[in-house]
């Protein structure tokens, strides 16, 4: 960078060299911010009914067949049915982020106690 002393005695930096450097720094900082972002939400939402009535208190078990990871209502409260409904985010069973390939994975959902 070139410095030039002005009439007031202060140094001036030539902007044409400073702008590309700042642009590269901003790009690197934004890349780091994206790399540390949380997983993309990928919800499974279900409803358990019998003769049209939502069932309460049943434990749901969700398993990613490819990874073998299993979660259930024992560890995630939203997997115990309430008015028949249950919910889980796939990040709980090994879906870490958009860079991981999981298209085509089979997800198995079981109801315990039925």
PDB file of N, CA and C in Angstrom:
ATOM      1  N   UNK A   1       0.836  -1.166   0.000  1.00  0.00           N
ATOM      2  CA  UNK A   1       0.000   0.000   0.000  1.00  0.00           C
ATOM      3  C   UNK A   1       0.889   1.240   0.000  1.00  0.00           C
ATOM      4  N   UNK A   2       0.476   2.181  -0.752  1.00  0.00           N
ATOM      5  CA  UNK A   2       1.230   3.428  -0.784  1.00  0.00           C
ATOM      6  C   UNK A   2       0.630   4.387   0.226  1.00  0.00           C
ATOM      7  N   UNK A   3       1.509   5.076   0.890  1.00  0.00           N
ATOM      8  CA  UNK A   3       1.080   6.090   1.847  1.00  0.00           C
ATOM      9  C   UNK A   3       1.568   7.445   1.335  1.00  0.00           C
ATOM     10  N   UNK A   4       0.734   8.422   1.506  1.00  0.00           N
ATOM     11  CA  UNK A   4       1.109   9.759   1.083  1.00  0.00           C
ATOM     12  C   UNK A   4       0.751  10.708   2.204  1.00  0.00           C
ATOM     13  N   UNK A   5       1.674  11.526   2.555  1.00  0.00           N
ATOM     14  CA  UNK A   5       1.415  12.464   3.644  1.00  0.00           C
ATOM     15  C   UNK A   5       0.700  13.686   3.073  1.00  0.00           C
ATOM     16  N   UNK A   6      -0.431  14.023   3.703  1.00  0.00           N
ATOM     17  CA  UNK A   6      -1.193  15.180   3.241  1.00  0.00           C
ATOM     18  C   UNK A   6      -0.638  16.455   3.851  1.00  0.00           C
ATOM     19  N   UNK A   7      -1.236  17.574   3.471  1.00  0.00           N
ATOM     20  CA  UNK A   7      -0.778  18.870   3.973  1.00  0.00           C
ATOM     21  C   UNK A   7      -0.956  18.987   5.478  1.00  0.00           C
ATOM     22  N   UNK A   8      -1.930  18.256   6.043  1.00  0.00           N
ATOM     23  CA  UNK A   8      -2.177  18.328   7.490  1.00  0.00           C
ATOM     24  C   UNK A   8      -1.241  17.426   8.271  1.00  0.00           C
ATOM     25  N   UNK A   9      -0.421  16.640   7.572  1.00  0.00           N
ATOM     26  CA  UNK A   9       0.526  15.780   8.253  1.00  0.00           C
ATOM     27  C   UNK A   9       0.008  14.366   8.447  1.00  0.00           C
ATOM     28  N   UNK A  10      -1.231  14.047   8.006  1.00  0.00           N
ATOM     29  CA  UNK A  10      -1.791  12.704   8.147  1.00  0.00           C
ATOM     30  C   UNK A  10      -1.496  11.893   6.889  1.00  0.00           C
ATOM     31  N   UNK A  11      -1.425  10.581   7.049  1.00  0.00           N
ATOM     32  CA  UNK A  11      -1.154   9.706   5.916  1.00  0.00           C
ATOM     33  C   UNK A  11      -2.464   9.299   5.256  1.00  0.00           C
ATOM     34  N   UNK A  12      -2.476   9.226   3.945  1.00  0.00           N
ATOM     35  CA  UNK A  12      -3.629   8.780   3.183  1.00  0.00           C
ATOM     36  C   UNK A  12      -3.270   7.459   2.518  1.00  0.00           C
ATOM     37  N   UNK A  13      -4.194   6.525   2.520  1.00  0.00           N
ATOM     38  CA  UNK A  13      -3.979   5.217   1.907  1.00  0.00           C
ATOM     39  C   UNK A  13      -4.698   5.224   0.566  1.00  0.00           C
ATOM     40  N   UNK A  14      -4.040   4.729  -0.463  1.00  0.00           N
ATOM     41  CA  UNK A  14      -4.683   4.670  -1.768  1.00  0.00           C
ATOM     42  C   UNK A  14      -5.787   3.627  -1.722  1.00  0.00           C
ATOM     43  N   UNK A  15      -6.998   4.045  -2.069  1.00  0.00           N
ATOM     44  CA  UNK A  15      -8.171   3.189  -1.945  1.00  0.00           C
ATOM     45  C   UNK A  15      -8.207   2.065  -2.971  1.00  0.00           C
ATOM     46  N   UNK A  16      -7.596   2.260  -4.136  1.00  0.00           N
ATOM     47  CA  UNK A  16      -7.715   1.212  -5.147  1.00  0.00           C
ATOM     48  C   UNK A  16      -7.008  -0.081  -4.743  1.00  0.00           C
ATOM     49  N   UNK A  17      -6.095  -0.043  -3.821  1.00  0.00           N
ATOM     50  CA  UNK A  17      -5.460  -1.271  -3.326  1.00  0.00           C
ATOM     51  C   UNK A  17      -6.168  -1.802  -2.090  1.00  0.00           C
ATOM     52  N   UNK A  18      -6.822  -0.937  -1.364  1.00  0.00           N
ATOM     53  CA  UNK A  18      -7.475  -1.337  -0.127  1.00  0.00           C
ATOM     54  C   UNK A  18      -8.803  -2.051  -0.381  1.00  0.00           C
ATOM     55  N   UNK A  19      -9.549  -1.647  -1.401  1.00  0.00           N
ATOM     56  CA  UNK A  19     -10.873  -2.223  -1.667  1.00  0.00           C
ATOM     57  C   UNK A  19     -10.801  -3.716  -1.999  1.00  0.00           C
ATOM     58  N   UNK A  20      -9.914  -4.188  -2.888  1.00  0.00           N
ATOM     59  CA  UNK A  20      -9.855  -5.643  -3.134  1.00  0.00           C
ATOM     60  C   UNK A  20      -9.484  -6.449  -1.887  1.00  0.00           C
ATOM     61  N   UNK A  21      -8.604  -5.902  -1.068  1.00  0.00           N
ATOM     62  CA  UNK A  21      -8.215  -6.607   0.162  1.00  0.00           C
ATOM     63  C   UNK A  21      -9.405  -6.722   1.100  1.00  0.00           C
ATOM     64  N   UNK A  22     -10.163  -5.649   1.261  1.00  0.00           N
ATOM     65  CA  UNK A  22     -11.359  -5.692   2.113  1.00  0.00           C
ATOM     66  C   UNK A  22     -12.411  -6.635   1.555  1.00  0.00           C
ATOM     67  N   UNK A  23     -12.561  -6.676   0.240  1.00  0.00           N
ATOM     68  CA  UNK A  23     -13.527  -7.583  -0.392  1.00  0.00           C
ATOM     69  C   UNK A  23     -13.176  -9.036  -0.110  1.00  0.00           C
ATOM     70  N   UNK A  24     -11.912  -9.373  -0.239  1.00  0.00           N
ATOM     71  CA  UNK A  24     -11.469 -10.750   0.029  1.00  0.00           C
ATOM     72  C   UNK A  24     -11.684 -11.099   1.502  1.00  0.00           C
ATOM     73  N   UNK A  25     -11.379 -10.197   2.397  1.00  0.00           N
ATOM     74  CA  UNK A  25     -11.597 -10.440   3.826  1.00  0.00           C
ATOM     75  C   UNK A  25     -13.077 -10.655   4.145  1.00  0.00           C
ATOM     76  N   UNK A  26     -13.952  -9.856   3.551  1.00  0.00           N
ATOM     77  CA  UNK A  26     -15.396 -10.013   3.780  1.00  0.00           C
ATOM     78  C   UNK A  26     -15.886 -11.366   3.252  1.00  0.00           C
ATOM     79  N   UNK A  27     -15.372 -11.780   2.097  1.00  0.00           N
ATOM     80  CA  UNK A  27     -15.750 -13.075   1.535  1.00  0.00           C
ATOM     81  C   UNK A  27     -15.322 -14.211   2.460  1.00  0.00           C
ATOM     82  N   UNK A  28     -14.106 -14.152   2.956  1.00  0.00           N
ATOM     83  CA  UNK A  28     -13.617 -15.196   3.867  1.00  0.00           C
ATOM     84  C   UNK A  28     -14.425 -15.238   5.158  1.00  0.00           C
ATOM     85  N   UNK A  29     -14.769 -14.075   5.684  1.00  0.00           N
ATOM     86  CA  UNK A  29     -15.559 -14.030   6.918  1.00  0.00           C
ATOM     87  C   UNK A  29     -16.960 -14.594   6.706  1.00  0.00           C
ATOM     88  N   UNK A  30     -17.580 -14.311   5.558  1.00  0.00           N
ATOM     89  CA  UNK A  30     -18.925 -14.832   5.300  1.00  0.00           C
ATOM     90  C   UNK A  30     -18.893 -16.341   5.102  1.00  0.00           C
ATOM     91  N   UNK A  31     -17.829 -16.863   4.499  1.00  0.00           N
ATOM     92  CA  UNK A  31     -17.684 -18.309   4.325  1.00  0.00           C
ATOM     93  C   UNK A  31     -17.570 -19.007   5.672  1.00  0.00           C
ATOM     94  N   UNK A  32     -16.815 -18.430   6.583  1.00  0.00           N
ATOM     95  CA  UNK A  32     -16.686 -19.014   7.920  1.00  0.00           C
ATOM     96  C   UNK A  32     -18.009 -18.977   8.666  1.00  0.00           C
ATOM     97  N   UNK A  33     -18.784 -17.925   8.489  1.00  0.00           N
ATOM     98  CA  UNK A  33     -20.083 -17.827   9.161  1.00  0.00           C
ATOM     99  C   UNK A  33     -21.034 -18.904   8.661  1.00  0.00           C
ATOM    100  N   UNK A  34     -21.021 -19.199   7.362  1.00  0.00           N
ATOM    101  CA  UNK A  34     -21.889 -20.239   6.814  1.00  0.00           C
ATOM    102  C   UNK A  34     -21.459 -21.628   7.269  1.00  0.00           C
ATOM    103  N   UNK A  35     -20.164 -21.840   7.411  1.00  0.00           N
ATOM    104  CA  UNK A  35     -19.661 -23.156   7.817  1.00  0.00           C
ATOM    105  C   UNK A  35     -20.057 -23.502   9.241  1.00  0.00           C
ATOM    106  N   UNK A  36     -20.273 -22.508  10.075  1.00  0.00           N
ATOM    107  CA  UNK A  36     -20.605 -22.770  11.473  1.00  0.00           C
ATOM    108  C   UNK A  36     -22.109 -22.666  11.746  1.00  0.00           C
ATOM    109  N   UNK A  37     -22.912 -22.612  10.703  1.00  0.00           N
ATOM    110  CA  UNK A  37     -24.350 -22.468  10.899  1.00  0.00           C
ATOM    111  C   UNK A  37     -24.960 -23.787  11.370  1.00  0.00           C
ATOM    112  N   UNK A  38     -26.118 -23.727  12.027  1.00  0.00           N
ATOM    113  CA  UNK A  38     -26.765 -24.945  12.506  1.00  0.00           C
ATOM    114  C   UNK A  38     -27.324 -25.766  11.343  1.00  0.00           C
ATOM    115  N   UNK A  39     -27.663 -27.031  11.613  1.00  0.00           N
ATOM    116  CA  UNK A  39     -28.198 -27.877  10.549  1.00  0.00           C
ATOM    117  C   UNK A  39     -29.486 -27.318   9.975  1.00  0.00           C
ATOM    118  N   UNK A  40     -29.716 -27.632   8.713  1.00  0.00           N
ATOM    119  CA  UNK A  40     -30.949 -27.227   8.051  1.00  0.00           C
ATOM    120  C   UNK A  40     -32.088 -28.069   8.624  1.00  0.00           C
ATOM    121  N   UNK A  41     -33.189 -27.434   9.052  1.00  0.00           N
ATOM    122  CA  UNK A  41     -34.304 -28.220   9.603  1.00  0.00           C
ATOM    123  C   UNK A  41     -34.904 -29.160   8.556  1.00  0.00           C
ATOM    124  N   UNK A  42     -35.097 -30.405   8.936  1.00  0.00           N
ATOM    125  CA  UNK A  42     -35.719 -31.417   8.085  1.00  0.00           C
ATOM    126  C   UNK A  42     -36.688 -32.203   8.954  1.00  0.00           C
ATOM    127  N   UNK A  43     -37.881 -31.663   9.166  1.00  0.00           N
ATOM    128  CA  UNK A  43     -38.796 -32.283  10.129  1.00  0.00           C
ATOM    129  C   UNK A  43     -39.537 -33.503   9.589  1.00  0.00           C
ATOM    130  N   UNK A  44     -39.833 -34.406  10.508  1.00  0.00           N
ATOM    131  CA  UNK A  44     -40.794 -35.485  10.274  1.00  0.00           C
ATOM    132  C   UNK A  44     -41.961 -35.166  11.203  1.00  0.00           C
ATOM    133  N   UNK A  45     -43.122 -35.008  10.628  1.00  0.00           N
ATOM    134  CA  UNK A  45     -44.319 -34.730  11.416  1.00  0.00           C
ATOM    135  C   UNK A  45     -45.312 -35.845  11.116  1.00  0.00           C
ATOM    136  N   UNK A  46     -45.852 -36.455  12.155  1.00  0.00           N
ATOM    137  CA  UNK A  46     -46.776 -37.562  11.942  1.00  0.00           C
ATOM    138  C   UNK A  46     -47.979 -37.486  12.856  1.00  0.00           C
ATOM    139  N   UNK A  47     -48.965 -38.309  12.547  1.00  0.00           N
ATOM    140  CA  UNK A  47     -50.180 -38.388  13.368  1.00  0.00           C
ATOM    141  C   UNK A  47     -50.562 -39.851  13.507  1.00  0.00           C
ATOM    142  N   UNK A  48     -50.793 -40.268  14.733  1.00  0.00           N
ATOM    143  CA  UNK A  48     -51.181 -41.635  15.049  1.00  0.00           C
ATOM    144  C   UNK A  48     -52.656 -41.634  15.431  1.00  0.00           C
ATOM    145  N   UNK A  49     -53.459 -42.337  14.641  1.00  0.00           N
ATOM    146  CA  UNK A  49     -54.899 -42.386  14.921  1.00  0.00           C
ATOM    147  C   UNK A  49     -55.393 -43.824  14.906  1.00  0.00           C
ATOM    148  N   UNK A  50     -56.493 -44.046  15.606  1.00  0.00           N
ATOM    149  CA  UNK A  50     -57.194 -45.323  15.599  1.00  0.00           C
ATOM    150  C   UNK A  50     -58.676 -45.009  15.509  1.00  0.00           C
ATOM    151  N   UNK A  51     -59.319 -45.477  14.456  1.00  0.00           N
ATOM    152  CA  UNK A  51     -60.726 -45.173  14.191  1.00  0.00           C
ATOM    153  C   UNK A  51     -60.987 -43.663  14.185  1.00  0.00           C
ATOM    154  N   UNK A  52     -60.035 -42.914  13.619  1.00  0.00           N
ATOM    155  CA  UNK A  52     -60.199 -41.470  13.490  1.00  0.00           C
ATOM    156  C   UNK A  52     -59.862 -40.664  14.735  1.00  0.00           C
ATOM    157  N   UNK A  53     -59.489 -41.311  15.825  1.00  0.00           N
ATOM    158  CA  UNK A  53     -59.164 -40.616  17.072  1.00  0.00           C
ATOM    159  C   UNK A  53     -57.651 -40.563  17.262  1.00  0.00           C
ATOM    160  N   UNK A  54     -57.123 -39.384  17.601  1.00  0.00           N
ATOM    161  CA  UNK A  54     -55.701 -39.245  17.902  1.00  0.00           C
ATOM    162  C   UNK A  54     -55.380 -39.934  19.218  1.00  0.00           C
ATOM    163  N   UNK A  55     -54.288 -40.680  19.241  1.00  0.00           N
ATOM    164  CA  UNK A  55     -53.920 -41.443  20.430  1.00  0.00           C
ATOM    165  C   UNK A  55     -52.840 -40.696  21.227  1.00  0.00           C
ATOM    166  N   UNK A  56     -53.009 -40.653  22.545  1.00  0.00           N
ATOM    167  CA  UNK A  56     -52.067 -39.969  23.439  1.00  0.00           C
ATOM    168  C   UNK A  56     -51.148 -40.960  24.136  1.00  0.00           C
ATOM    169  N   UNK A  57     -49.913 -40.523  24.402  1.00  0.00           N
ATOM    170  CA  UNK A  57     -49.007 -41.266  25.264  1.00  0.00           C
ATOM    171  C   UNK A  57     -48.236 -42.404  24.638  1.00  0.00           C
ATOM    172  N   UNK A  58     -48.319 -42.576  23.324  1.00  0.00           N
ATOM    173  CA  UNK A  58     -47.562 -43.646  22.683  1.00  0.00           C
ATOM    174  C   UNK A  58     -46.166 -43.145  22.318  1.00  0.00           C
ATOM    175  N   UNK A  59     -45.181 -44.004  22.525  1.00  0.00           N
ATOM    176  CA  UNK A  59     -43.799 -43.657  22.208  1.00  0.00           C
ATOM    177  C   UNK A  59     -43.502 -44.038  20.766  1.00  0.00           C
ATOM    178  N   UNK A  60     -42.946 -43.063  20.044  1.00  0.00           N
ATOM    179  CA  UNK A  60     -42.567 -43.270  18.647  1.00  0.00           C
ATOM    180  C   UNK A  60     -41.058 -43.468  18.593  1.00  0.00           C
ATOM    181  N   UNK A  61     -40.619 -44.368  17.725  1.00  0.00           N
ATOM    182  CA  UNK A  61     -39.195 -44.624  17.520  1.00  0.00           C
ATOM    183  C   UNK A  61     -38.869 -44.343  16.053  1.00  0.00           C
ATOM    184  N   UNK A  62     -37.838 -43.529  15.792  1.00  0.00           N
ATOM    185  CA  UNK A  62     -37.444 -43.154  14.434  1.00  0.00           C
ATOM    186  C   UNK A  62     -36.012 -43.617  14.207  1.00  0.00           C
ATOM    187  N   UNK A  63     -35.788 -44.316  13.082  1.00  0.00           N
ATOM    188  CA  UNK A  63     -34.456 -44.865  12.795  1.00  0.00           C
ATOM    189  C   UNK A  63     -34.050 -44.532  11.364  1.00  0.00           C
ATOM    190  N   UNK A  64     -32.813 -44.066  11.199  1.00  0.00           N
ATOM    191  CA  UNK A  64     -32.221 -43.889   9.873  1.00  0.00           C
ATOM    192  C   UNK A  64     -31.574 -45.225   9.526  1.00  0.00           C
ATOM    193  N   UNK A  65     -32.110 -45.911   8.526  1.00  0.00           N
ATOM    194  CA  UNK A  65     -31.635 -47.256   8.187  1.00  0.00           C
ATOM    195  C   UNK A  65     -30.179 -47.217   7.721  1.00  0.00           C
ATOM    196  N   UNK A  66     -29.758 -46.191   6.969  1.00  0.00           N
ATOM    197  CA  UNK A  66     -28.381 -46.120   6.469  1.00  0.00           C
ATOM    198  C   UNK A  66     -27.375 -45.980   7.606  1.00  0.00           C
ATOM    199  N   UNK A  67     -27.641 -45.084   8.553  1.00  0.00           N
ATOM    200  CA  UNK A  67     -26.666 -44.836   9.623  1.00  0.00           C
ATOM    201  C   UNK A  67     -26.884 -45.725  10.840  1.00  0.00           C
ATOM    202  N   UNK A  68     -28.095 -46.260  10.991  1.00  0.00           N
ATOM    203  CA  UNK A  68     -28.410 -47.078  12.152  1.00  0.00           C
ATOM    204  C   UNK A  68     -28.764 -46.268  13.390  1.00  0.00           C
ATOM    205  N   UNK A  69     -28.777 -44.937  13.274  1.00  0.00           N
ATOM    206  CA  UNK A  69     -29.073 -44.073  14.415  1.00  0.00           C
ATOM    207  C   UNK A  69     -30.566 -44.114  14.716  1.00  0.00           C
ATOM    208  N   UNK A  70     -30.900 -44.287  15.992  1.00  0.00           N
ATOM    209  CA  UNK A  70     -32.292 -44.367  16.423  1.00  0.00           C
ATOM    210  C   UNK A  70     -32.543 -43.362  17.537  1.00  0.00           C
ATOM    211  N   UNK A  71     -33.693 -42.695  17.475  1.00  0.00           N
ATOM    212  CA  UNK A  71     -34.150 -41.840  18.568  1.00  0.00           C
ATOM    213  C   UNK A  71     -35.586 -42.226  18.876  1.00  0.00           C
ATOM    214  N   UNK A  72     -36.002 -41.936  20.119  1.00  0.00           N
ATOM    215  CA  UNK A  72     -37.364 -42.289  20.511  1.00  0.00           C
ATOM    216  C   UNK A  72     -37.890 -41.288  21.530  1.00  0.00           C
ATOM    217  N   UNK A  73     -39.107 -41.510  21.933  1.00  0.00           N
ATOM    218  CA  UNK A  73     -39.728 -40.680  22.951  1.00  0.00           C
ATOM    219  C   UNK A  73     -39.040 -40.763  24.302  1.00  0.00           C
ATOM    220  N   UNK A  74     -38.169 -41.753  24.484  1.00  0.00           N
ATOM    221  CA  UNK A  74     -37.394 -41.853  25.729  1.00  0.00           C
ATOM    222  C   UNK A  74     -36.405 -40.694  25.858  1.00  0.00           C
ATOM    223  N   UNK A  75     -35.918 -40.193  24.717  1.00  0.00           N
ATOM    224  CA  UNK A  75     -34.916 -39.125  24.728  1.00  0.00           C
ATOM    225  C   UNK A  75     -35.434 -37.796  24.165  1.00  0.00           C
ATOM    226  N   UNK A  76     -36.461 -37.839  23.336  1.00  0.00           N
ATOM    227  CA  UNK A  76     -37.021 -36.628  22.724  1.00  0.00           C
ATOM    228  C   UNK A  76     -38.513 -36.582  23.023  1.00  0.00           C
ATOM    229  N   UNK A  77     -38.905 -35.605  23.815  1.00  0.00           N
ATOM    230  CA  UNK A  77     -40.293 -35.517  24.268  1.00  0.00           C
ATOM    231  C   UNK A  77     -41.314 -35.381  23.161  1.00  0.00           C
ATOM    232  N   UNK A  78     -40.936 -34.799  22.023  1.00  0.00           N
ATOM    233  CA  UNK A  78     -41.897 -34.616  20.931  1.00  0.00           C
ATOM    234  C   UNK A  78     -42.205 -35.925  20.205  1.00  0.00           C
ATOM    235  N   UNK A  79     -41.544 -37.027  20.610  1.00  0.00           N
ATOM    236  CA  UNK A  79     -41.840 -38.333  20.033  1.00  0.00           C
ATOM    237  C   UNK A  79     -42.749 -39.175  20.926  1.00  0.00           C
ATOM    238  N   UNK A  80     -43.402 -38.539  21.867  1.00  0.00           N
ATOM    239  CA  UNK A  80     -44.482 -39.178  22.628  1.00  0.00           C
ATOM    240  C   UNK A  80     -45.758 -38.497  22.134  1.00  0.00           C
ATOM    241  N   UNK A  81     -46.696 -39.297  21.624  1.00  0.00           N
ATOM    242  CA  UNK A  81     -47.861 -38.709  20.963  1.00  0.00           C
ATOM    243  C   UNK A  81     -48.705 -37.878  21.920  1.00  0.00           C
ATOM    244  N   UNK A  82     -49.183 -36.767  21.379  1.00  0.00           N
ATOM    245  CA  UNK A  82     -50.099 -35.885  22.099  1.00  0.00           C
ATOM    246  C   UNK A  82     -51.204 -35.529  21.120  1.00  0.00           C
ATOM    247  N   UNK A  83     -52.415 -35.935  21.412  1.00  0.00           N
ATOM    248  CA  UNK A  83     -53.547 -35.814  20.471  1.00  0.00           C
ATOM    249  C   UNK A  83     -53.203 -36.493  19.145  1.00  0.00           C
ATOM    250  N   UNK A  84     -52.382 -37.542  19.223  1.00  0.00           N
ATOM    251  CA  UNK A  84     -51.999 -38.319  18.046  1.00  0.00           C
ATOM    252  C   UNK A  84     -50.793 -37.786  17.307  1.00  0.00           C
ATOM    253  N   UNK A  85     -50.371 -36.553  17.579  1.00  0.00           N
ATOM    254  CA  UNK A  85     -49.287 -35.952  16.820  1.00  0.00           C
ATOM    255  C   UNK A  85     -47.907 -36.215  17.409  1.00  0.00           C
ATOM    256  N   UNK A  86     -46.911 -36.275  16.531  1.00  0.00           N
ATOM    257  CA  UNK A  86     -45.516 -36.377  16.962  1.00  0.00           C
ATOM    258  C   UNK A  86     -44.638 -35.643  15.955  1.00  0.00           C
ATOM    259  N   UNK A  87     -43.429 -35.309  16.386  1.00  0.00           N
ATOM    260  CA  UNK A  87     -42.516 -34.507  15.578  1.00  0.00           C
ATOM    261  C   UNK A  87     -41.073 -34.843  15.939  1.00  0.00           C
ATOM    262  N   UNK A  88     -40.195 -34.878  14.937  1.00  0.00           N
ATOM    263  CA  UNK A  88     -38.742 -34.992  15.168  1.00  0.00           C
ATOM    264  C   UNK A  88     -38.022 -34.334  13.999  1.00  0.00           C
ATOM    265  N   UNK A  89     -36.877 -33.745  14.286  1.00  0.00           N
ATOM    266  CA  UNK A  89     -36.037 -33.170  13.245  1.00  0.00           C
ATOM    267  C   UNK A  89     -34.996 -34.208  12.858  1.00  0.00           C
ATOM    268  N   UNK A  90     -34.777 -34.386  11.560  1.00  0.00           N
ATOM    269  CA  UNK A  90     -33.824 -35.398  11.094  1.00  0.00           C
ATOM    270  C   UNK A  90     -32.394 -35.141  11.558  1.00  0.00           C
ATOM    271  N   UNK A  91     -32.078 -33.922  11.986  1.00  0.00           N
ATOM    272  CA  UNK A  91     -30.727 -33.659  12.504  1.00  0.00           C
ATOM    273  C   UNK A  91     -30.466 -34.479  13.763  1.00  0.00           C
ATOM    274  N   UNK A  92     -31.522 -34.968  14.406  1.00  0.00           N
ATOM    275  CA  UNK A  92     -31.361 -35.802  15.609  1.00  0.00           C
ATOM    276  C   UNK A  92     -30.927 -37.222  15.273  1.00  0.00           C
ATOM    277  N   UNK A  93     -31.045 -37.612  13.990  1.00  0.00           N
ATOM    278  CA  UNK A  93     -30.671 -38.981  13.620  1.00  0.00           C
ATOM    279  C   UNK A  93     -29.591 -39.005  12.551  1.00  0.00           C
ATOM    280  N   UNK A  94     -28.631 -38.083  12.673  1.00  0.00           N
ATOM    281  CA  UNK A  94     -27.455 -38.148  11.822  1.00  0.00           C
ATOM    282  C   UNK A  94     -27.451 -37.239  10.615  1.00  0.00           C
ATOM    283  N   UNK A  95     -28.454 -36.407  10.420  1.00  0.00           N
ATOM    284  CA  UNK A  95     -28.453 -35.463   9.305  1.00  0.00           C
ATOM    285  C   UNK A  95     -27.789 -34.202   9.804  1.00  0.00           C
ATOM    286  N   UNK A  96     -26.505 -34.024   9.465  1.00  0.00           N
ATOM    287  CA  UNK A  96     -25.709 -32.981  10.074  1.00  0.00           C
ATOM    288  C   UNK A  96     -25.823 -31.645   9.355  1.00  0.00           C
ATOM    289  N   UNK A  97     -25.922 -31.611   8.076  1.00  0.00           N
ATOM    290  CA  UNK A  97     -25.986 -30.337   7.380  1.00  0.00           C
ATOM    291  C   UNK A  97     -26.166 -30.520   5.891  1.00  0.00           C
ATOM    292  N   UNK A  98     -26.242 -29.413   5.180  1.00  0.00           N
ATOM    293  CA  UNK A  98     -26.509 -29.506   3.748  1.00  0.00           C
ATOM    294  C   UNK A  98     -25.379 -30.162   2.954  1.00  0.00           C
ATOM    295  N   UNK A  99     -24.173 -30.264   3.506  1.00  0.00           N
ATOM    296  CA  UNK A  99     -23.071 -30.859   2.766  1.00  0.00           C
ATOM    297  C   UNK A  99     -23.110 -32.389   2.811  1.00  0.00           C
ATOM    298  N   UNK A 100     -23.820 -32.964   3.772  1.00  0.00           N
ATOM    299  CA  UNK A 100     -23.871 -34.416   3.884  1.00  0.00           C
ATOM    300  C   UNK A 100     -24.915 -34.973   2.918  1.00  0.00           C
ATOM    301  N   UNK A 101     -24.587 -36.052   2.255  1.00  0.00           N
ATOM    302  CA  UNK A 101     -25.513 -36.653   1.308  1.00  0.00           C
ATOM    303  C   UNK A 101     -26.475 -37.564   2.058  1.00  0.00           C
ATOM    304  N   UNK A 102     -27.770 -37.274   1.980  1.00  0.00           N
ATOM    305  CA  UNK A 102     -28.755 -38.138   2.618  1.00  0.00           C
ATOM    306  C   UNK A 102     -29.982 -38.344   1.761  1.00  0.00           C
ATOM    307  N   UNK A 103     -29.936 -37.894   0.522  1.00  0.00           N
ATOM    308  CA  UNK A 103     -31.041 -38.117  -0.391  1.00  0.00           C
ATOM    309  C   UNK A 103     -31.199 -39.622  -0.610  1.00  0.00           C
ATOM    310  N   UNK A 104     -32.373 -40.122  -0.421  1.00  0.00           N
ATOM    311  CA  UNK A 104     -32.628 -41.539  -0.623  1.00  0.00           C
ATOM    312  C   UNK A 104     -32.521 -42.387   0.627  1.00  0.00           C
ATOM    313  N   UNK A 105     -32.140 -41.808   1.760  1.00  0.00           N
ATOM    314  CA  UNK A 105     -32.099 -42.570   3.001  1.00  0.00           C
ATOM    315  C   UNK A 105     -33.504 -43.044   3.361  1.00  0.00           C
ATOM    316  N   UNK A 106     -33.582 -44.225   3.924  1.00  0.00           N
ATOM    317  CA  UNK A 106     -34.861 -44.758   4.396  1.00  0.00           C
ATOM    318  C   UNK A 106     -34.996 -44.452   5.878  1.00  0.00           C
ATOM    319  N   UNK A 107     -36.115 -43.857   6.243  1.00  0.00           N
ATOM    320  CA  UNK A 107     -36.408 -43.536   7.635  1.00  0.00           C
ATOM    321  C   UNK A 107     -37.532 -44.456   8.088  1.00  0.00           C
ATOM    322  N   UNK A 108     -37.273 -45.212   9.147  1.00  0.00           N
ATOM    323  CA  UNK A 108     -38.261 -46.158   9.684  1.00  0.00           C
ATOM    324  C   UNK A 108     -38.906 -45.541  10.919  1.00  0.00           C
ATOM    325  N   UNK A 109     -40.242 -45.566  10.954  1.00  0.00           N
ATOM    326  CA  UNK A 109     -40.992 -45.036  12.094  1.00  0.00           C
ATOM    327  C   UNK A 109     -41.787 -46.182  12.700  1.00  0.00           C
ATOM    328  N   UNK A 110     -41.608 -46.408  14.011  1.00  0.00           N
ATOM    329  CA  UNK A 110     -42.321 -47.474  14.728  1.00  0.00           C
ATOM    330  C   UNK A 110     -43.098 -46.875  15.886  1.00  0.00           C
ATOM    331  N   UNK A 111     -44.183 -47.531  16.245  1.00  0.00           N
ATOM    332  CA  UNK A 111     -44.964 -47.162  17.421  1.00  0.00           C
ATOM    333  C   UNK A 111     -44.763 -48.265  18.453  1.00  0.00           C
ATOM    334  N   UNK A 112     -44.292 -47.886  19.638  1.00  0.00           N
ATOM    335  CA  UNK A 112     -44.128 -48.863  20.715  1.00  0.00           C
ATOM    336  C   UNK A 112     -45.454 -49.035  21.451  1.00  0.00           C
ATOM    337  N   UNK A 113     -45.721 -50.221  21.850  1.00  0.00           N
ATOM    338  CA  UNK A 113     -46.897 -50.497  22.676  1.00  0.00           C
ATOM    339  C   UNK A 113     -48.192 -50.695  21.893  1.00  0.00           C
ATOM    340  N   UNK A 114     -48.090 -50.819  20.608  1.00  0.00           N
ATOM    341  CA  UNK A 114     -49.292 -51.068  19.807  1.00  0.00           C
ATOM    342  C   UNK A 114     -49.423 -52.545  19.558  1.00  0.00           C
TER     343      UNK A 114
END
